[in-house]
Amino acid sequence: MGQTTGDMPLINSGYNSQTVGKQFIGKLQPDLSAYVYRTRFGTNGPRPNISPTAFLVDRCENVYVSGWGGSISGSTNQYLSGGTMGMETTADALQRTTDGRDFYFFVLRKDAVGLLYASFFGQSDGFTDHVDGGTSRFDRNGVIYQGVCANCNGGAIFPTTPGVWGPVKPASAACNLGMIKIAFNLAGVGANVRAEIGGVVNDTAVTFNDLVRSAREYIWDFGDGTPQVGPIAATAGGYQQTHTFTSTGTFRVMLIAIDPTSCNERDTV
């Protein structure tokens, strides 16, 4: 993923609503000899819209991008971004309007067949929402952890959720570190098993828990020759199982999390 002011035609891309955008996403062949696909997003301005801050390809091969747009100093330096005004959003966006100086979250569907999600995020007016350096990450479940230089110089209020530790900027601070966690819920079904006994994690296994709990059904295999358990519906507590081992030894326990409506249907851990 990157920025371009040059000519980069689309290749094998079903997503083509912003063919002149100054941001591009490309997937290369394993030997780097050619593109599998290449697409662009953003507006037809002289500069790229956003400065990229985070990037991910999830287990369903959807592509996630985070970035911010707009001028920090107000100068005409050629490397400043064009801003977020006019960029595309989806109907389920967290924020569909922008002052042109917000963050932008974008998710491209597998094989560039279409747009999954796009949203602005930031305060209305005031100093440009931005981030200095690599302080933002997506995890494998498509959750973003975004660091933000928020509410700089006061004025406009950066959006927060109820009950957070720091809903307002201290009066003594020129800029504030805003922290955002957003689950996009587009990465398909996942699982992450943990064993515990008497509340002690990773002790000799008795109780097993799926820590993700995004599946509809679960199958358990405890690796000791006993029959598999399941599929058990999540609504019936299938994400947690208690098992008694009747002999000592090392056992390979397997959990299969299932959601037939998901892009990957099953995740095995």
C-alpha atoms as a PDB file:
ATOM      1  CA  MET A   1       0.000   0.000   0.000  1.00  0.00           C
ATOM      2  CA  GLY A   2       1.295   3.459  -0.762  1.00  0.00           C
ATOM      3  CA  GLN A   3       0.782   6.883  -2.313  1.00  0.00           C
ATOM      4  CA  THR A   4       1.154   7.928  -5.932  1.00  0.00           C
ATOM      5  CA  THR A   5       0.862  11.039  -8.073  1.00  0.00           C
ATOM      6  CA  GLY A   6       1.700   9.059 -11.188  1.00  0.00           C
ATOM      7  CA  ASP A   7      -0.132   6.823 -13.622  1.00  0.00           C
ATOM      8  CA  MET A   8      -1.031   3.495 -11.970  1.00  0.00           C
ATOM      9  CA  PRO A   9      -3.917   1.900 -13.898  1.00  0.00           C
ATOM     10  CA  LEU A  10      -6.168  -0.601 -12.144  1.00  0.00           C
ATOM     11  CA  ILE A  11      -5.348  -4.291 -12.640  1.00  0.00           C
ATOM     12  CA  ASN A  12      -7.954  -7.044 -12.002  1.00  0.00           C
ATOM     13  CA  SER A  13      -9.855  -4.759  -9.627  1.00  0.00           C
ATOM     14  CA  GLY A  14     -13.605  -4.925  -9.154  1.00  0.00           C
ATOM     15  CA  TYR A  15     -13.343  -1.898  -6.879  1.00  0.00           C
ATOM     16  CA  ASN A  16     -13.194   0.982  -9.339  1.00  0.00           C
ATOM     17  CA  SER A  17     -15.239   3.832  -7.871  1.00  0.00           C
ATOM     18  CA  GLN A  18     -12.109   5.939  -7.214  1.00  0.00           C
ATOM     19  CA  THR A  19      -9.787   5.071 -10.090  1.00  0.00           C
ATOM     20  CA  VAL A  20      -7.907   8.391  -9.900  1.00  0.00           C
ATOM     21  CA  GLY A  21      -7.253   8.278  -6.147  1.00  0.00           C
ATOM     22  CA  LYS A  22      -3.736   8.986  -4.941  1.00  0.00           C
ATOM     23  CA  GLN A  23      -3.569   5.962  -2.599  1.00  0.00           C
ATOM     24  CA  PHE A  24      -3.002   2.494  -4.042  1.00  0.00           C
ATOM     25  CA  ILE A  25      -3.212  -1.105  -2.815  1.00  0.00           C
ATOM     26  CA  GLY A  26      -1.574  -3.926  -4.739  1.00  0.00           C
ATOM     27  CA  LYS A  27      -1.147  -7.671  -4.336  1.00  0.00           C
ATOM     28  CA  LEU A  28       1.913  -9.209  -6.019  1.00  0.00           C
ATOM     29  CA  GLN A  29       2.611 -12.709  -7.286  1.00  0.00           C
ATOM     30  CA  PRO A  30       4.759 -14.781  -4.866  1.00  0.00           C
ATOM     31  CA  ASP A  31       7.859 -14.250  -7.047  1.00  0.00           C
ATOM     32  CA  LEU A  32       7.073 -10.494  -7.401  1.00  0.00           C
ATOM     33  CA  SER A  33       6.921 -10.891 -11.192  1.00  0.00           C
ATOM     34  CA  ALA A  34       3.483  -9.326 -11.676  1.00  0.00           C
ATOM     35  CA  TYR A  35       0.425  -7.949  -9.913  1.00  0.00           C
ATOM     36  CA  VAL A  36      -2.431 -10.211  -8.863  1.00  0.00           C
ATOM     37  CA  TYR A  37      -4.461  -7.003  -8.551  1.00  0.00           C
ATOM     38  CA  ARG A  38      -3.945  -3.282  -8.092  1.00  0.00           C
ATOM     39  CA  THR A  39      -6.497  -0.641  -7.168  1.00  0.00           C
ATOM     40  CA  ARG A  40      -6.647   2.978  -6.013  1.00  0.00           C
ATOM     41  CA  PHE A  41      -8.759   4.992  -3.597  1.00  0.00           C
ATOM     42  CA  GLY A  42      -9.138   8.655  -2.709  1.00  0.00           C
ATOM     43  CA  THR A  43      -9.990  11.842  -4.585  1.00  0.00           C
ATOM     44  CA  ASN A  44      -8.640  13.347  -7.790  1.00  0.00           C
ATOM     45  CA  GLY A  45      -6.485  16.064  -6.246  1.00  0.00           C
ATOM     46  CA  PRO A  46      -2.853  17.052  -6.792  1.00  0.00           C
ATOM     47  CA  ARG A  47      -1.703  15.328  -3.578  1.00  0.00           C
ATOM     48  CA  PRO A  48      -2.396  12.062  -1.742  1.00  0.00           C
ATOM     49  CA  ASN A  49      -5.266  12.437   0.713  1.00  0.00           C
ATOM     50  CA  ILE A  50      -3.761  10.687   3.740  1.00  0.00           C
ATOM     51  CA  SER A  51      -0.517   9.828   5.463  1.00  0.00           C
ATOM     52  CA  PRO A  52      -0.731   6.043   6.124  1.00  0.00           C
ATOM     53  CA  THR A  53      -0.339   4.957   9.751  1.00  0.00           C
ATOM     54  CA  ALA A  54      -1.419   1.284   9.899  1.00  0.00           C
ATOM     55  CA  PHE A  55      -1.921  -1.611   7.471  1.00  0.00           C
ATOM     56  CA  LEU A  56      -3.178  -5.232   7.719  1.00  0.00           C
ATOM     57  CA  VAL A  57      -4.194  -8.199   5.592  1.00  0.00           C
ATOM     58  CA  ASP A  58      -6.531 -10.354   7.707  1.00  0.00           C
ATOM     59  CA  ARG A  59      -7.116 -14.121   7.580  1.00  0.00           C
ATOM     60  CA  CYS A  60      -9.864 -13.578   4.971  1.00  0.00           C
ATOM     61  CA  GLU A  61      -7.417 -11.545   2.815  1.00  0.00           C
ATOM     62  CA  ASN A  62      -9.313  -8.299   3.358  1.00  0.00           C
ATOM     63  CA  VAL A  63      -6.987  -5.268   3.397  1.00  0.00           C
ATOM     64  CA  TYR A  64      -7.157  -2.609   6.128  1.00  0.00           C
ATOM     65  CA  VAL A  65      -5.662   0.895   5.933  1.00  0.00           C
ATOM     66  CA  SER A  66      -5.561   3.717   8.462  1.00  0.00           C
ATOM     67  CA  GLY A  67      -4.287   7.215   7.793  1.00  0.00           C
ATOM     68  CA  TRP A  68      -4.846  10.892   8.498  1.00  0.00           C
ATOM     69  CA  GLY A  69      -5.205  13.837   6.176  1.00  0.00           C
ATOM     70  CA  GLY A  70      -4.743  17.570   6.230  1.00  0.00           C
ATOM     71  CA  SER A  71      -2.146  20.222   6.945  1.00  0.00           C
ATOM     72  CA  ILE A  72      -0.366  20.498  10.285  1.00  0.00           C
ATOM     73  CA  SER A  73       1.405  23.816   9.860  1.00  0.00           C
ATOM     74  CA  GLY A  74      -0.718  25.337   7.111  1.00  0.00           C
ATOM     75  CA  SER A  75       2.300  25.710   4.826  1.00  0.00           C
ATOM     76  CA  THR A  76       2.225  24.837   1.130  1.00  0.00           C
ATOM     77  CA  ASN A  77       4.949  22.209   1.437  1.00  0.00           C
ATOM     78  CA  GLN A  78       4.475  19.700  -1.389  1.00  0.00           C
ATOM     79  CA  TYR A  79       4.615  16.721   0.984  1.00  0.00           C
ATOM     80  CA  LEU A  80       1.552  17.704   3.002  1.00  0.00           C
ATOM     81  CA  SER A  81      -1.513  15.542   2.399  1.00  0.00           C
ATOM     82  CA  GLY A  82      -4.570  16.795   0.544  1.00  0.00           C
ATOM     83  CA  GLY A  83      -6.998  15.953   3.348  1.00  0.00           C
ATOM     84  CA  THR A  84     -10.012  13.734   3.808  1.00  0.00           C
ATOM     85  CA  MET A  85     -12.698  15.921   2.230  1.00  0.00           C
ATOM     86  CA  GLY A  86     -14.607  14.038  -0.477  1.00  0.00           C
ATOM     87  CA  MET A  87     -13.311  10.565   0.385  1.00  0.00           C
ATOM     88  CA  GLU A  88     -15.757   7.679   0.175  1.00  0.00           C
ATOM     89  CA  THR A  89     -17.587   6.243   3.197  1.00  0.00           C
ATOM     90  CA  THR A  90     -19.931   3.288   3.679  1.00  0.00           C
ATOM     91  CA  ALA A  91     -23.455   3.376   5.109  1.00  0.00           C
ATOM     92  CA  ASP A  92     -22.304   1.751   8.380  1.00  0.00           C
ATOM     93  CA  ALA A  93     -19.434   4.211   8.902  1.00  0.00           C
ATOM     94  CA  LEU A  94     -18.710   5.368  12.431  1.00  0.00           C
ATOM     95  CA  GLN A  95     -18.475   8.937  11.102  1.00  0.00           C
ATOM     96  CA  ARG A  96     -19.653   9.956   7.611  1.00  0.00           C
ATOM     97  CA  THR A  97     -18.764  13.657   7.694  1.00  0.00           C
ATOM     98  CA  THR A  98     -15.340  15.283   7.888  1.00  0.00           C
ATOM     99  CA  ASP A  99     -13.769  18.706   8.268  1.00  0.00           C
ATOM    100  CA  GLY A 100     -11.058  17.514   5.863  1.00  0.00           C
ATOM    101  CA  ARG A 101      -8.532  16.934   8.660  1.00  0.00           C
ATOM    102  CA  ASP A 102      -9.562  13.633  10.185  1.00  0.00           C
ATOM    103  CA  PHE A 103      -8.444  10.035  10.331  1.00  0.00           C
ATOM    104  CA  TYR A 104      -9.694   7.693   7.617  1.00  0.00           C
ATOM    105  CA  PHE A 105     -10.262   3.937   8.048  1.00  0.00           C
ATOM    106  CA  PHE A 106     -10.627   1.859   4.876  1.00  0.00           C
ATOM    107  CA  VAL A 107     -11.198  -1.898   4.335  1.00  0.00           C
ATOM    108  CA  LEU A 108     -10.914  -3.457   0.857  1.00  0.00           C
ATOM    109  CA  ARG A 109     -12.609  -6.813   0.268  1.00  0.00           C
ATOM    110  CA  LYS A 110     -10.518  -9.857  -0.710  1.00  0.00           C
ATOM    111  CA  ASP A 111      -9.174  -9.741  -4.294  1.00  0.00           C
ATOM    112  CA  ALA A 112     -10.192  -6.056  -4.553  1.00  0.00           C
ATOM    113  CA  VAL A 113     -13.729  -6.989  -5.561  1.00  0.00           C
ATOM    114  CA  GLY A 114     -15.262  -4.119  -3.582  1.00  0.00           C
ATOM    115  CA  LEU A 115     -15.274  -1.844  -0.578  1.00  0.00           C
ATOM    116  CA  LEU A 116     -16.126  -3.409   2.795  1.00  0.00           C
ATOM    117  CA  TYR A 117     -15.889  -0.379   5.061  1.00  0.00           C
ATOM    118  CA  ALA A 118     -14.788   3.254   5.071  1.00  0.00           C
ATOM    119  CA  SER A 119     -15.171   5.887   7.774  1.00  0.00           C
ATOM    120  CA  PHE A 120     -13.768   9.160   9.048  1.00  0.00           C
ATOM    121  CA  PHE A 121     -12.824   9.583  12.707  1.00  0.00           C
ATOM    122  CA  GLY A 122     -11.899  12.779  14.505  1.00  0.00           C
ATOM    123  CA  GLN A 123     -12.992  16.055  15.987  1.00  0.00           C
ATOM    124  CA  SER A 124     -14.922  18.698  14.065  1.00  0.00           C
ATOM    125  CA  ASP A 125     -12.787  21.766  13.332  1.00  0.00           C
ATOM    126  CA  GLY A 126      -9.857  22.730  15.515  1.00  0.00           C
ATOM    127  CA  PHE A 127      -6.294  21.501  14.915  1.00  0.00           C
ATOM    128  CA  THR A 128      -5.717  18.653  12.441  1.00  0.00           C
ATOM    129  CA  ASP A 129      -6.164  15.155  13.885  1.00  0.00           C
ATOM    130  CA  HIS A 130      -2.849  13.401  13.289  1.00  0.00           C
ATOM    131  CA  VAL A 131      -0.232  11.012  14.674  1.00  0.00           C
ATOM    132  CA  ASP A 132       3.553  11.353  14.824  1.00  0.00           C
ATOM    133  CA  GLY A 133       5.336   8.085  14.062  1.00  0.00           C
ATOM    134  CA  GLY A 134       4.371   4.424  14.163  1.00  0.00           C
ATOM    135  CA  THR A 135       1.959   4.353  17.095  1.00  0.00           C
ATOM    136  CA  SER A 136      -0.901   2.489  15.408  1.00  0.00           C
ATOM    137  CA  ARG A 137      -1.529  -1.209  14.759  1.00  0.00           C
ATOM    138  CA  PHE A 138      -4.172  -3.622  13.502  1.00  0.00           C
ATOM    139  CA  ASP A 139      -4.293  -7.070  15.107  1.00  0.00           C
ATOM    140  CA  ARG A 140      -5.103 -10.341  13.306  1.00  0.00           C
ATOM    141  CA  ASN A 141      -8.791  -9.984  14.182  1.00  0.00           C
ATOM    142  CA  GLY A 142      -9.066  -6.681  12.313  1.00  0.00           C
ATOM    143  CA  VAL A 143      -9.077  -4.519  15.444  1.00  0.00           C
ATOM    144  CA  ILE A 144      -7.226  -1.201  15.239  1.00  0.00           C
ATOM    145  CA  TYR A 145      -5.280   0.328  18.117  1.00  0.00           C
ATOM    146  CA  GLN A 146      -4.687   3.916  17.028  1.00  0.00           C
ATOM    147  CA  GLY A 147      -2.596   6.543  18.801  1.00  0.00           C
ATOM    148  CA  VAL A 148      -3.723  10.110  18.074  1.00  0.00           C
ATOM    149  CA  CYS A 149      -2.423  13.606  18.705  1.00  0.00           C
ATOM    150  CA  ALA A 150      -5.841  14.759  19.875  1.00  0.00           C
ATOM    151  CA  ASN A 151      -7.431  18.099  20.706  1.00  0.00           C
ATOM    152  CA  CYS A 152      -4.201  20.021  20.096  1.00  0.00           C
ATOM    153  CA  ASN A 153      -4.369  23.671  21.190  1.00  0.00           C
ATOM    154  CA  GLY A 154      -7.826  23.178  22.689  1.00  0.00           C
ATOM    155  CA  GLY A 155     -11.030  24.317  21.046  1.00  0.00           C
ATOM    156  CA  ALA A 156     -12.825  21.396  19.368  1.00  0.00           C
ATOM    157  CA  ILE A 157     -13.383  18.297  21.503  1.00  0.00           C
ATOM    158  CA  PHE A 158     -12.013  14.944  20.331  1.00  0.00           C
ATOM    159  CA  PRO A 159     -14.754  12.247  20.490  1.00  0.00           C
ATOM    160  CA  THR A 160     -14.593   9.767  23.379  1.00  0.00           C
ATOM    161  CA  THR A 161     -16.833   6.973  24.666  1.00  0.00           C
ATOM    162  CA  PRO A 162     -18.708   7.127  28.005  1.00  0.00           C
ATOM    163  CA  GLY A 163     -16.786   6.132  31.121  1.00  0.00           C
ATOM    164  CA  VAL A 164     -13.252   6.460  29.746  1.00  0.00           C
ATOM    165  CA  TRP A 165     -10.399   7.453  32.045  1.00  0.00           C
ATOM    166  CA  GLY A 166      -9.564  10.695  30.199  1.00  0.00           C
ATOM    167  CA  PRO A 167     -12.589  12.284  28.480  1.00  0.00           C
ATOM    168  CA  VAL A 168     -11.016  15.767  28.258  1.00  0.00           C
ATOM    169  CA  LYS A 169      -7.565  17.209  27.666  1.00  0.00           C
ATOM    170  CA  PRO A 170      -5.726  18.637  30.694  1.00  0.00           C
ATOM    171  CA  ALA A 171      -5.634  22.418  30.507  1.00  0.00           C
ATOM    172  CA  SER A 172      -1.837  22.366  30.818  1.00  0.00           C
ATOM    173  CA  ALA A 173      -1.345  20.195  27.698  1.00  0.00           C
ATOM    174  CA  ALA A 174      -0.900  21.639  24.211  1.00  0.00           C
ATOM    175  CA  CYS A 175      -1.674  18.247  22.659  1.00  0.00           C
ATOM    176  CA  ASN A 176      -3.217  15.149  24.165  1.00  0.00           C
ATOM    177  CA  LEU A 177      -2.533  11.470  23.423  1.00  0.00           C
ATOM    178  CA  GLY A 178      -5.849  10.025  22.300  1.00  0.00           C
ATOM    179  CA  MET A 179      -6.173   6.241  22.200  1.00  0.00           C
ATOM    180  CA  ILE A 180      -8.733   4.459  20.018  1.00  0.00           C
ATOM    181  CA  LYS A 181      -9.699   0.785  19.800  1.00  0.00           C
ATOM    182  CA  ILE A 182     -12.184  -0.157  17.072  1.00  0.00           C
ATOM    183  CA  ALA A 183     -13.276  -3.697  16.175  1.00  0.00           C
ATOM    184  CA  PHE A 184     -14.284  -3.792  12.508  1.00  0.00           C
ATOM    185  CA  ASN A 185     -15.653  -7.374  12.800  1.00  0.00           C
ATOM    186  CA  LEU A 186     -14.768  -8.210   9.198  1.00  0.00           C
ATOM    187  CA  ALA A 187     -11.963 -10.752   9.700  1.00  0.00           C
ATOM    188  CA  GLY A 188     -14.143 -13.862   9.793  1.00  0.00           C
ATOM    189  CA  VAL A 189     -14.417 -16.432  12.549  1.00  0.00           C
ATOM    190  CA  GLY A 190     -11.454 -16.889  14.890  1.00  0.00           C
ATOM    191  CA  ALA A 191     -10.505 -18.854  17.986  1.00  0.00           C
ATOM    192  CA  ASN A 192      -7.886 -18.689  20.743  1.00  0.00           C
ATOM    193  CA  VAL A 193      -7.940 -21.504  23.303  1.00  0.00           C
ATOM    194  CA  ARG A 194      -6.754 -21.253  26.922  1.00  0.00           C
ATOM    195  CA  ALA A 195      -6.561 -23.964  29.585  1.00  0.00           C
ATOM    196  CA  GLU A 196      -6.924 -23.483  33.330  1.00  0.00           C
ATOM    197  CA  ILE A 197      -7.642 -25.425  36.484  1.00  0.00           C
ATOM    198  CA  GLY A 198      -9.083 -23.796  39.548  1.00  0.00           C
ATOM    199  CA  GLY A 199      -8.604 -20.427  37.877  1.00  0.00           C
ATOM    200  CA  VAL A 200      -4.865 -21.000  37.316  1.00  0.00           C
ATOM    201  CA  VAL A 201      -4.084 -20.380  33.633  1.00  0.00           C
ATOM    202  CA  ASN A 202      -2.126 -23.105  31.784  1.00  0.00           C
ATOM    203  CA  ASP A 203      -2.102 -25.468  34.753  1.00  0.00           C
ATOM    204  CA  THR A 204      -2.868 -29.151  34.104  1.00  0.00           C
ATOM    205  CA  ALA A 205      -5.820 -28.673  31.788  1.00  0.00           C
ATOM    206  CA  VAL A 206      -9.363 -29.157  33.016  1.00  0.00           C
ATOM    207  CA  THR A 207     -11.358 -26.150  31.786  1.00  0.00           C
ATOM    208  CA  PHE A 208     -10.840 -24.846  28.255  1.00  0.00           C
ATOM    209  CA  ASN A 209     -12.080 -21.469  26.975  1.00  0.00           C
ATOM    210  CA  ASP A 210     -12.212 -19.852  23.560  1.00  0.00           C
ATOM    211  CA  LEU A 211     -11.037 -16.295  24.212  1.00  0.00           C
ATOM    212  CA  VAL A 212     -12.368 -14.866  20.919  1.00  0.00           C
ATOM    213  CA  ARG A 213     -15.916 -16.260  21.006  1.00  0.00           C
ATOM    214  CA  SER A 214     -16.881 -15.113  17.522  1.00  0.00           C
ATOM    215  CA  ALA A 215     -18.147 -18.531  16.332  1.00  0.00           C
ATOM    216  CA  ARG A 216     -21.649 -19.963  16.184  1.00  0.00           C
ATOM    217  CA  GLU A 217     -20.608 -23.580  16.917  1.00  0.00           C
ATOM    218  CA  TYR A 218     -17.637 -25.392  18.448  1.00  0.00           C
ATOM    219  CA  ILE A 219     -16.024 -28.830  18.121  1.00  0.00           C
ATOM    220  CA  TRP A 220     -13.541 -29.997  20.772  1.00  0.00           C
ATOM    221  CA  ASP A 221     -10.960 -32.814  20.586  1.00  0.00           C
ATOM    222  CA  PHE A 222      -9.023 -33.400  23.798  1.00  0.00           C
ATOM    223  CA  GLY A 223      -6.311 -35.590  22.252  1.00  0.00           C
ATOM    224  CA  ASP A 224      -6.627 -38.460  24.734  1.00  0.00           C
ATOM    225  CA  GLY A 225      -8.615 -40.887  22.598  1.00  0.00           C
ATOM    226  CA  THR A 226     -12.031 -39.835  23.889  1.00  0.00           C
ATOM    227  CA  PRO A 227     -14.669 -38.959  21.262  1.00  0.00           C
ATOM    228  CA  GLN A 228     -14.831 -35.435  19.874  1.00  0.00           C
ATOM    229  CA  VAL A 229     -17.378 -33.180  21.555  1.00  0.00           C
ATOM    230  CA  GLY A 230     -19.714 -31.152  19.356  1.00  0.00           C
ATOM    231  CA  PRO A 231     -20.629 -29.315  17.381  1.00  0.00           C
ATOM    232  CA  ILE A 232     -22.075 -27.342  20.305  1.00  0.00           C
ATOM    233  CA  ALA A 233     -23.816 -24.027  19.713  1.00  0.00           C
ATOM    234  CA  ALA A 234     -22.301 -20.902  21.201  1.00  0.00           C
ATOM    235  CA  THR A 235     -25.703 -20.156  22.722  1.00  0.00           C
ATOM    236  CA  ALA A 236     -25.358 -23.436  24.648  1.00  0.00           C
ATOM    237  CA  GLY A 237     -21.927 -22.472  25.988  1.00  0.00           C
ATOM    238  CA  GLY A 238     -19.910 -24.373  23.403  1.00  0.00           C
ATOM    239  CA  TYR A 239     -16.999 -21.924  23.754  1.00  0.00           C
ATOM    240  CA  GLN A 240     -16.137 -23.462  27.156  1.00  0.00           C
ATOM    241  CA  GLN A 241     -15.586 -27.120  28.005  1.00  0.00           C
ATOM    242  CA  THR A 242     -14.446 -29.012  31.104  1.00  0.00           C
ATOM    243  CA  HIS A 243     -12.628 -32.306  30.558  1.00  0.00           C
ATOM    244  CA  THR A 244     -11.107 -34.864  32.914  1.00  0.00           C
ATOM    245  CA  PHE A 245      -7.959 -36.657  31.777  1.00  0.00           C
ATOM    246  CA  THR A 246      -7.738 -40.184  33.200  1.00  0.00           C
ATOM    247  CA  SER A 247      -4.011 -40.663  32.564  1.00  0.00           C
ATOM    248  CA  THR A 248      -0.897 -38.529  32.776  1.00  0.00           C
ATOM    249  CA  GLY A 249       0.941 -37.378  29.666  1.00  0.00           C
ATOM    250  CA  THR A 250       1.063 -34.688  26.987  1.00  0.00           C
ATOM    251  CA  PHE A 251      -2.157 -34.145  25.049  1.00  0.00           C
ATOM    252  CA  ARG A 252      -2.734 -32.078  21.902  1.00  0.00           C
ATOM    253  CA  VAL A 253      -6.107 -30.375  22.355  1.00  0.00           C
ATOM    254  CA  MET A 254      -7.899 -29.041  19.276  1.00  0.00           C
ATOM    255  CA  LEU A 255     -10.713 -26.508  19.036  1.00  0.00           C
ATOM    256  CA  ILE A 256     -12.626 -25.875  15.798  1.00  0.00           C
ATOM    257  CA  ALA A 257     -14.675 -22.667  15.773  1.00  0.00           C
ATOM    258  CA  ILE A 258     -17.401 -22.627  13.095  1.00  0.00           C
ATOM    259  CA  ASP A 259     -19.500 -19.908  11.465  1.00  0.00           C
ATOM    260  CA  PRO A 260     -20.957 -20.949   8.065  1.00  0.00           C
ATOM    261  CA  THR A 261     -21.782 -17.307   7.244  1.00  0.00           C
ATOM    262  CA  SER A 262     -18.192 -16.128   7.725  1.00  0.00           C
ATOM    263  CA  CYS A 263     -15.707 -15.566   4.913  1.00  0.00           C
ATOM    264  CA  ASN A 264     -13.445 -18.326   6.260  1.00  0.00           C
ATOM    265  CA  GLU A 265     -16.149 -20.548   7.875  1.00  0.00           C
ATOM    266  CA  ARG A 266     -13.772 -22.308  10.333  1.00  0.00           C
ATOM    267  CA  ASP A 267     -10.742 -21.505  12.455  1.00  0.00           C
ATOM    268  CA  THR A 268      -8.764 -24.331  14.096  1.00  0.00           C
ATOM    269  CA  VAL A 269      -6.528 -23.806  17.100  1.00  0.00           C
END
